[in-house]
């Protein structure tokens, strides 16, 4: 059984669907699903993956990555320059603290900033970070 077929079977079973149910809900024939799961068919085309992803309620991009059509987001980040990895780490921290909705993460808000505007934001951020560090019970950690 190929890796994608095994993953597809696990996803289907996790959602408590039979092959026939997945076929009916997705519009992909049960024979095709069975052949994929058993490794008797290669990686499905993106259109088939889209139908399966929608039915399995999994992001299309994730299933495309599992199939090997595209790189996963995690792979992209690992291969990205260090500056992008840092930005992603900041975003992950914001998500963990429920702050991903802040305008800070809206790229459209940054479009018209001048270099001076960005320097002002940076200084203000440094000030706020220093104040937060003072309030932090673990003030020994560094930024």
N, C-alpha and C. Protein backbone atom coordinates (compact mmCIF):
# COMPACT_ATOMS: atom_id res chain seq x y z
N UNK A 1 0.85 -1.18 0.00
CA UNK A 1 0.00 0.00 0.00
C UNK A 1 0.89 1.24 0.00
N UNK A 2 0.59 2.20 -0.88
CA UNK A 2 1.40 3.41 -0.89
C UNK A 2 1.04 4.29 0.30
N UNK A 3 1.91 5.21 0.61
CA UNK A 3 1.73 6.06 1.78
C UNK A 3 0.45 6.87 1.69
N UNK A 4 0.18 7.45 0.51
CA UNK A 4 -1.04 8.25 0.39
C UNK A 4 -2.28 7.38 0.58
N UNK A 5 -2.27 6.21 0.01
CA UNK A 5 -3.41 5.30 0.17
C UNK A 5 -3.66 4.96 1.63
N UNK A 6 -2.58 4.71 2.34
CA UNK A 6 -2.69 4.40 3.78
C UNK A 6 -3.26 5.60 4.53
N UNK A 7 -2.77 6.78 4.20
CA UNK A 7 -3.27 7.99 4.87
C UNK A 7 -4.74 8.24 4.55
N UNK A 8 -5.11 8.01 3.30
CA UNK A 8 -6.51 8.20 2.91
C UNK A 8 -7.40 7.24 3.70
N UNK A 9 -6.97 6.00 3.81
CA UNK A 9 -7.75 5.01 4.58
C UNK A 9 -7.88 5.46 6.04
N UNK A 10 -6.78 5.94 6.62
CA UNK A 10 -6.83 6.39 8.02
C UNK A 10 -7.77 7.58 8.19
N UNK A 11 -7.72 8.52 7.25
CA UNK A 11 -8.61 9.68 7.31
C UNK A 11 -10.07 9.25 7.19
N UNK A 12 -10.33 8.35 6.27
CA UNK A 12 -11.70 7.86 6.06
C UNK A 12 -12.20 7.15 7.31
N UNK A 13 -11.40 6.28 7.85
CA UNK A 13 -11.80 5.53 9.05
C UNK A 13 -11.97 6.44 10.26
N UNK A 14 -11.11 7.44 10.38
CA UNK A 14 -11.22 8.38 11.50
C UNK A 14 -12.56 9.11 11.47
N UNK A 15 -13.10 9.26 10.27
CA UNK A 15 -14.40 9.93 10.12
C UNK A 15 -15.55 8.92 10.09
N UNK A 16 -15.20 7.67 10.37
CA UNK A 16 -16.17 6.58 10.46
C UNK A 16 -17.00 6.44 9.18
N UNK A 17 -16.29 6.53 8.05
CA UNK A 17 -16.94 6.36 6.75
C UNK A 17 -16.49 5.05 6.12
N UNK A 18 -17.40 4.40 5.44
CA UNK A 18 -17.03 3.24 4.64
C UNK A 18 -16.54 3.75 3.29
N UNK A 19 -15.93 2.86 2.53
CA UNK A 19 -15.49 3.23 1.18
C UNK A 19 -16.70 3.69 0.37
N UNK A 20 -17.80 2.95 0.48
CA UNK A 20 -19.01 3.30 -0.28
C UNK A 20 -19.57 4.66 0.14
N UNK A 21 -19.56 4.95 1.43
CA UNK A 21 -20.05 6.25 1.88
C UNK A 21 -19.18 7.38 1.34
N UNK A 22 -17.86 7.20 1.43
CA UNK A 22 -16.96 8.23 0.90
C UNK A 22 -17.20 8.41 -0.59
N UNK A 23 -17.44 7.32 -1.28
CA UNK A 23 -17.70 7.40 -2.72
C UNK A 23 -18.97 8.20 -3.01
N UNK A 24 -20.03 7.89 -2.29
CA UNK A 24 -21.31 8.58 -2.52
C UNK A 24 -21.18 10.07 -2.21
N UNK A 25 -20.58 10.38 -1.06
CA UNK A 25 -20.48 11.78 -0.64
C UNK A 25 -19.51 12.59 -1.50
N UNK A 26 -18.46 11.95 -2.00
CA UNK A 26 -17.44 12.69 -2.75
C UNK A 26 -17.65 12.69 -4.26
N UNK A 27 -18.37 11.69 -4.75
CA UNK A 27 -18.51 11.57 -6.20
C UNK A 27 -17.34 10.85 -6.86
N UNK A 28 -16.46 10.28 -6.05
CA UNK A 28 -15.34 9.48 -6.54
C UNK A 28 -15.79 8.03 -6.40
N UNK A 29 -15.62 7.23 -7.42
CA UNK A 29 -16.13 5.86 -7.37
C UNK A 29 -15.48 5.05 -6.25
N UNK A 30 -16.25 4.11 -5.72
CA UNK A 30 -15.72 3.26 -4.65
C UNK A 30 -14.56 2.42 -5.16
N UNK A 31 -14.60 2.03 -6.42
CA UNK A 31 -13.48 1.26 -7.00
C UNK A 31 -12.20 2.09 -7.00
N UNK A 32 -12.32 3.36 -7.36
CA UNK A 32 -11.15 4.24 -7.37
C UNK A 32 -10.60 4.42 -5.96
N UNK A 33 -11.48 4.68 -5.01
CA UNK A 33 -11.04 4.86 -3.62
C UNK A 33 -10.35 3.59 -3.13
N UNK A 34 -10.94 2.45 -3.40
CA UNK A 34 -10.36 1.18 -2.98
C UNK A 34 -8.99 0.96 -3.61
N UNK A 35 -8.86 1.26 -4.90
CA UNK A 35 -7.56 1.09 -5.57
C UNK A 35 -6.51 2.04 -4.99
N UNK A 36 -6.91 3.26 -4.67
CA UNK A 36 -5.96 4.21 -4.07
C UNK A 36 -5.51 3.69 -2.71
N UNK A 37 -6.48 3.31 -1.88
CA UNK A 37 -6.16 2.85 -0.53
C UNK A 37 -5.29 1.60 -0.52
N UNK A 38 -5.49 0.73 -1.50
CA UNK A 38 -4.75 -0.53 -1.55
C UNK A 38 -3.46 -0.44 -2.36
N UNK A 39 -3.14 0.75 -2.83
CA UNK A 39 -1.89 0.94 -3.55
C UNK A 39 -1.90 0.42 -4.97
N UNK A 40 -3.08 0.17 -5.52
CA UNK A 40 -3.19 -0.33 -6.89
C UNK A 40 -3.39 0.79 -7.90
N UNK A 41 -3.37 2.00 -7.40
CA UNK A 41 -3.51 3.16 -8.27
C UNK A 41 -2.56 4.22 -7.75
N UNK A 42 -1.99 4.96 -8.66
CA UNK A 42 -1.07 6.02 -8.27
C UNK A 42 -1.77 7.15 -7.54
N UNK A 43 -1.05 8.21 -7.37
CA UNK A 43 -1.58 9.39 -6.70
C UNK A 43 -2.70 9.99 -7.56
N UNK A 44 -3.84 10.27 -6.96
CA UNK A 44 -4.95 10.82 -7.74
C UNK A 44 -4.67 12.23 -8.25
N UNK A 45 -5.43 12.62 -9.24
CA UNK A 45 -5.32 13.96 -9.80
C UNK A 45 -5.86 14.98 -8.79
N UNK A 46 -5.42 16.23 -8.92
CA UNK A 46 -5.89 17.26 -7.99
C UNK A 46 -7.41 17.38 -7.90
N UNK A 47 -8.12 17.19 -9.00
CA UNK A 47 -9.59 17.30 -8.97
C UNK A 47 -10.19 16.22 -8.06
N UNK A 48 -9.63 15.03 -8.11
CA UNK A 48 -10.09 13.93 -7.25
C UNK A 48 -9.75 14.23 -5.79
N UNK A 49 -8.56 14.74 -5.58
CA UNK A 49 -8.14 15.08 -4.21
C UNK A 49 -9.05 16.16 -3.63
N UNK A 50 -9.45 17.11 -4.46
CA UNK A 50 -10.35 18.18 -4.00
C UNK A 50 -11.67 17.59 -3.52
N UNK A 51 -12.23 16.67 -4.27
CA UNK A 51 -13.49 16.03 -3.88
C UNK A 51 -13.33 15.28 -2.56
N UNK A 52 -12.23 14.55 -2.44
CA UNK A 52 -11.98 13.78 -1.22
C UNK A 52 -11.76 14.71 -0.03
N UNK A 53 -10.98 15.76 -0.24
CA UNK A 53 -10.69 16.71 0.84
C UNK A 53 -11.98 17.37 1.34
N UNK A 54 -12.81 17.79 0.42
CA UNK A 54 -14.08 18.42 0.82
C UNK A 54 -14.93 17.47 1.64
N UNK A 55 -15.01 16.23 1.20
CA UNK A 55 -15.83 15.24 1.90
C UNK A 55 -15.25 14.87 3.25
N UNK A 56 -13.93 14.75 3.31
CA UNK A 56 -13.27 14.38 4.57
C UNK A 56 -13.09 15.57 5.51
N UNK A 57 -13.48 16.75 5.03
CA UNK A 57 -13.37 17.99 5.81
C UNK A 57 -11.93 18.22 6.26
N UNK A 58 -11.05 18.13 5.29
CA UNK A 58 -9.63 18.38 5.51
C UNK A 58 -9.22 19.44 4.48
N UNK A 59 -8.36 20.37 4.84
CA UNK A 59 -7.96 21.39 3.86
C UNK A 59 -7.38 20.74 2.59
N UNK A 60 -7.82 21.25 1.47
CA UNK A 60 -7.37 20.75 0.16
C UNK A 60 -5.85 20.75 0.08
N UNK A 61 -5.23 21.84 0.53
CA UNK A 61 -3.77 21.95 0.45
C UNK A 61 -3.09 20.86 1.27
N UNK A 62 -3.69 20.53 2.41
CA UNK A 62 -3.10 19.48 3.25
C UNK A 62 -3.14 18.13 2.54
N UNK A 63 -4.28 17.81 1.93
CA UNK A 63 -4.38 16.54 1.22
C UNK A 63 -3.49 16.53 -0.02
N UNK A 64 -3.37 17.67 -0.68
CA UNK A 64 -2.46 17.78 -1.83
C UNK A 64 -1.02 17.54 -1.38
N UNK A 65 -0.65 18.06 -0.22
CA UNK A 65 0.70 17.85 0.30
C UNK A 65 0.91 16.39 0.67
N UNK A 66 -0.09 15.78 1.29
CA UNK A 66 0.03 14.36 1.64
C UNK A 66 0.20 13.50 0.40
N UNK A 67 -0.44 13.93 -0.69
CA UNK A 67 -0.34 13.18 -1.95
C UNK A 67 0.98 13.44 -2.66
N UNK A 68 1.68 14.49 -2.24
CA UNK A 68 2.96 14.80 -2.86
C UNK A 68 2.87 15.76 -4.03
N UNK A 69 1.68 16.33 -4.25
CA UNK A 69 1.53 17.30 -5.34
C UNK A 69 2.17 18.64 -4.99
N UNK A 70 2.14 18.99 -3.72
CA UNK A 70 2.73 20.25 -3.26
C UNK A 70 3.47 20.00 -1.96
N UNK A 71 4.30 20.95 -1.57
CA UNK A 71 4.97 20.86 -0.27
C UNK A 71 4.00 21.30 0.81
N UNK A 72 4.14 20.70 1.97
CA UNK A 72 3.31 21.14 3.09
C UNK A 72 3.82 22.49 3.57
N UNK A 73 2.97 23.20 4.29
CA UNK A 73 3.36 24.50 4.81
C UNK A 73 4.58 24.37 5.72
N UNK A 74 4.60 23.30 6.52
CA UNK A 74 5.73 23.08 7.42
C UNK A 74 7.02 22.88 6.63
N UNK A 75 6.95 22.15 5.50
CA UNK A 75 8.13 21.97 4.66
C UNK A 75 8.59 23.30 4.07
N UNK A 76 7.62 24.09 3.64
CA UNK A 76 7.94 25.40 3.07
C UNK A 76 8.66 26.26 4.11
N UNK A 77 8.15 26.26 5.33
CA UNK A 77 8.75 27.07 6.39
C UNK A 77 10.16 26.57 6.71
N UNK A 78 10.33 25.24 6.80
CA UNK A 78 11.66 24.69 7.11
C UNK A 78 12.68 25.09 6.06
N UNK A 79 12.24 25.20 4.81
CA UNK A 79 13.16 25.53 3.72
C UNK A 79 13.27 27.03 3.48
N UNK A 80 12.45 27.80 4.17
CA UNK A 80 12.44 29.25 3.97
C UNK A 80 13.67 29.89 4.62
N UNK A 81 14.01 31.07 4.15
CA UNK A 81 15.11 31.79 4.81
C UNK A 81 14.79 32.01 6.29
N UNK A 82 15.83 32.17 7.07
CA UNK A 82 15.66 32.31 8.52
C UNK A 82 14.71 33.44 8.89
N UNK A 83 14.72 34.53 8.13
CA UNK A 83 13.84 35.66 8.46
C UNK A 83 12.37 35.25 8.35
N UNK A 84 12.02 34.41 7.38
CA UNK A 84 10.64 33.94 7.26
C UNK A 84 10.30 33.01 8.41
N UNK A 85 11.25 32.19 8.81
CA UNK A 85 11.02 31.28 9.93
C UNK A 85 10.74 32.09 11.20
N UNK A 86 11.44 33.20 11.37
CA UNK A 86 11.22 34.05 12.54
C UNK A 86 9.83 34.67 12.50
N UNK A 87 9.42 35.12 11.33
CA UNK A 87 8.08 35.70 11.20
C UNK A 87 7.02 34.65 11.52
N UNK A 88 7.23 33.45 11.03
CA UNK A 88 6.28 32.38 11.32
C UNK A 88 6.24 32.06 12.82
N UNK A 89 7.39 32.07 13.46
CA UNK A 89 7.45 31.81 14.90
C UNK A 89 6.69 32.89 15.67
N UNK A 90 6.81 34.13 15.23
CA UNK A 90 6.07 35.23 15.86
C UNK A 90 4.57 35.00 15.69
N UNK A 91 4.19 34.63 14.48
CA UNK A 91 2.77 34.39 14.21
C UNK A 91 2.25 33.23 15.06
N UNK A 92 3.03 32.16 15.18
CA UNK A 92 2.61 31.02 16.00
C UNK A 92 2.40 31.45 17.46
N UNK A 93 3.28 32.30 17.96
CA UNK A 93 3.14 32.80 19.32
C UNK A 93 1.86 33.62 19.45
N UNK A 94 1.59 34.44 18.44
CA UNK A 94 0.36 35.24 18.46
C UNK A 94 -0.87 34.34 18.46
N UNK A 95 -0.85 33.30 17.65
CA UNK A 95 -1.98 32.36 17.60
C UNK A 95 -2.15 31.68 18.95
N UNK A 96 -1.05 31.27 19.55
CA UNK A 96 -1.12 30.59 20.85
C UNK A 96 -1.72 31.49 21.92
N UNK A 97 -1.56 32.80 21.75
CA UNK A 97 -2.10 33.74 22.73
C UNK A 97 -3.41 34.37 22.27
N UNK A 98 -3.95 33.88 21.17
CA UNK A 98 -5.23 34.38 20.67
C UNK A 98 -5.16 35.77 20.08
N UNK A 99 -4.00 36.15 19.55
CA UNK A 99 -3.82 37.51 19.05
C UNK A 99 -3.66 37.59 17.53
N UNK A 100 -3.93 36.49 16.83
CA UNK A 100 -3.71 36.50 15.38
C UNK A 100 -4.65 37.43 14.63
N UNK A 101 -5.72 37.86 15.28
CA UNK A 101 -6.69 38.76 14.65
C UNK A 101 -6.23 40.23 14.67
N UNK A 102 -5.18 40.53 15.38
CA UNK A 102 -4.74 41.91 15.52
C UNK A 102 -4.33 42.50 14.17
N UNK A 103 -4.54 43.79 13.98
CA UNK A 103 -4.18 44.43 12.71
C UNK A 103 -2.69 44.32 12.38
N UNK A 104 -1.89 44.03 13.38
CA UNK A 104 -0.45 43.84 13.16
C UNK A 104 -0.18 42.79 12.10
N UNK A 105 -1.08 41.80 11.98
CA UNK A 105 -0.88 40.71 11.03
C UNK A 105 -1.64 40.91 9.72
N UNK A 106 -2.20 42.08 9.52
CA UNK A 106 -2.92 42.39 8.29
C UNK A 106 -1.97 43.13 7.35
N UNK A 107 -1.49 42.44 6.33
CA UNK A 107 -0.49 43.03 5.43
C UNK A 107 -1.00 44.27 4.72
N UNK A 108 -2.30 44.37 4.51
CA UNK A 108 -2.86 45.55 3.85
C UNK A 108 -2.65 46.81 4.69
N UNK A 109 -2.63 46.63 5.99
CA UNK A 109 -2.43 47.78 6.88
C UNK A 109 -1.00 48.32 6.77
N UNK A 110 -0.07 47.51 6.31
CA UNK A 110 1.34 47.90 6.22
C UNK A 110 1.70 48.52 4.87
N UNK A 111 0.82 48.46 3.91
CA UNK A 111 1.14 48.88 2.54
C UNK A 111 1.66 50.31 2.41
N UNK A 112 1.11 51.21 3.17
CA UNK A 112 1.45 52.62 2.98
C UNK A 112 2.40 53.15 4.05
N UNK A 113 2.93 52.25 4.87
CA UNK A 113 3.87 52.68 5.90
C UNK A 113 5.17 53.13 5.25
N UNK A 114 5.68 54.22 5.75
CA UNK A 114 7.00 54.67 5.32
C UNK A 114 8.04 54.02 6.23
N UNK A 115 9.28 54.20 5.89
CA UNK A 115 10.35 53.68 6.73
C UNK A 115 10.27 54.30 8.13
N UNK A 116 9.94 55.58 8.18
CA UNK A 116 9.81 56.27 9.46
C UNK A 116 8.65 55.69 10.28
N UNK A 117 7.54 55.38 9.60
CA UNK A 117 6.40 54.77 10.30
C UNK A 117 6.81 53.44 10.93
N UNK A 118 7.53 52.66 10.17
CA UNK A 118 7.96 51.35 10.67
C UNK A 118 8.93 51.50 11.83
N UNK A 119 9.80 52.49 11.76
CA UNK A 119 10.72 52.75 12.88
C UNK A 119 9.94 53.15 14.13
N UNK A 120 8.88 53.95 13.96
CA UNK A 120 8.04 54.34 15.09
C UNK A 120 7.35 53.13 15.70
N UNK A 121 6.81 52.28 14.84
CA UNK A 121 6.16 51.06 15.33
C UNK A 121 7.17 50.21 16.09
N UNK A 122 8.37 50.10 15.56
CA UNK A 122 9.41 49.30 16.19
C UNK A 122 9.76 49.84 17.58
N UNK A 123 9.92 51.15 17.67
CA UNK A 123 10.25 51.76 18.97
C UNK A 123 9.12 51.55 19.97
N UNK A 124 7.90 51.73 19.52
CA UNK A 124 6.76 51.54 20.41
C UNK A 124 6.66 50.08 20.84
N UNK A 125 6.89 49.18 19.90
CA UNK A 125 6.85 47.75 20.23
C UNK A 125 7.93 47.41 21.26
N UNK A 126 9.13 47.94 21.07
CA UNK A 126 10.21 47.71 22.03
C UNK A 126 9.82 48.21 23.42
N UNK A 127 9.17 49.37 23.47
CA UNK A 127 8.73 49.93 24.74
C UNK A 127 7.70 49.01 25.41
N UNK A 128 6.70 48.59 24.65
CA UNK A 128 5.65 47.71 25.18
C UNK A 128 6.25 46.38 25.64
N UNK A 129 7.18 45.84 24.85
CA UNK A 129 7.82 44.56 25.20
C UNK A 129 8.62 44.70 26.49
N UNK A 130 9.31 45.82 26.66
CA UNK A 130 10.09 46.05 27.88
C UNK A 130 9.16 46.16 29.09
N UNK A 131 8.03 46.84 28.92
CA UNK A 131 7.06 46.96 30.02
C UNK A 131 6.48 45.59 30.37
N UNK A 132 6.18 44.80 29.36
CA UNK A 132 5.64 43.45 29.61
C UNK A 132 6.67 42.59 30.33
N UNK A 133 7.92 42.75 29.95
CA UNK A 133 8.99 41.97 30.59
C UNK A 133 9.09 42.33 32.07
N UNK A 134 8.91 43.61 32.39
CA UNK A 134 8.96 44.04 33.79
C UNK A 134 7.84 43.39 34.60
N UNK A 135 6.67 43.23 33.97
CA UNK A 135 5.52 42.64 34.66
C UNK A 135 5.58 41.13 34.72
N UNK A 136 6.40 40.54 33.88
CA UNK A 136 6.46 39.08 33.77
C UNK A 136 7.06 38.47 35.02
N UNK A 137 6.44 37.39 35.52
CA UNK A 137 7.01 36.72 36.70
C UNK A 137 8.38 36.11 36.40
N UNK A 138 8.63 35.79 35.15
CA UNK A 138 9.92 35.22 34.76
C UNK A 138 10.69 36.27 33.97
N UNK A 139 11.16 37.28 34.66
CA UNK A 139 11.84 38.38 33.96
C UNK A 139 13.26 38.04 33.58
N UNK A 140 13.68 36.81 33.88
CA UNK A 140 15.04 36.42 33.49
C UNK A 140 15.13 36.01 32.03
N UNK A 141 13.96 35.72 31.41
CA UNK A 141 14.01 35.33 30.00
C UNK A 141 14.29 36.54 29.14
N UNK A 142 14.93 36.31 28.02
CA UNK A 142 15.27 37.43 27.14
C UNK A 142 14.45 37.37 25.87
N UNK A 143 14.46 38.45 25.15
CA UNK A 143 13.71 38.54 23.89
C UNK A 143 14.55 38.06 22.75
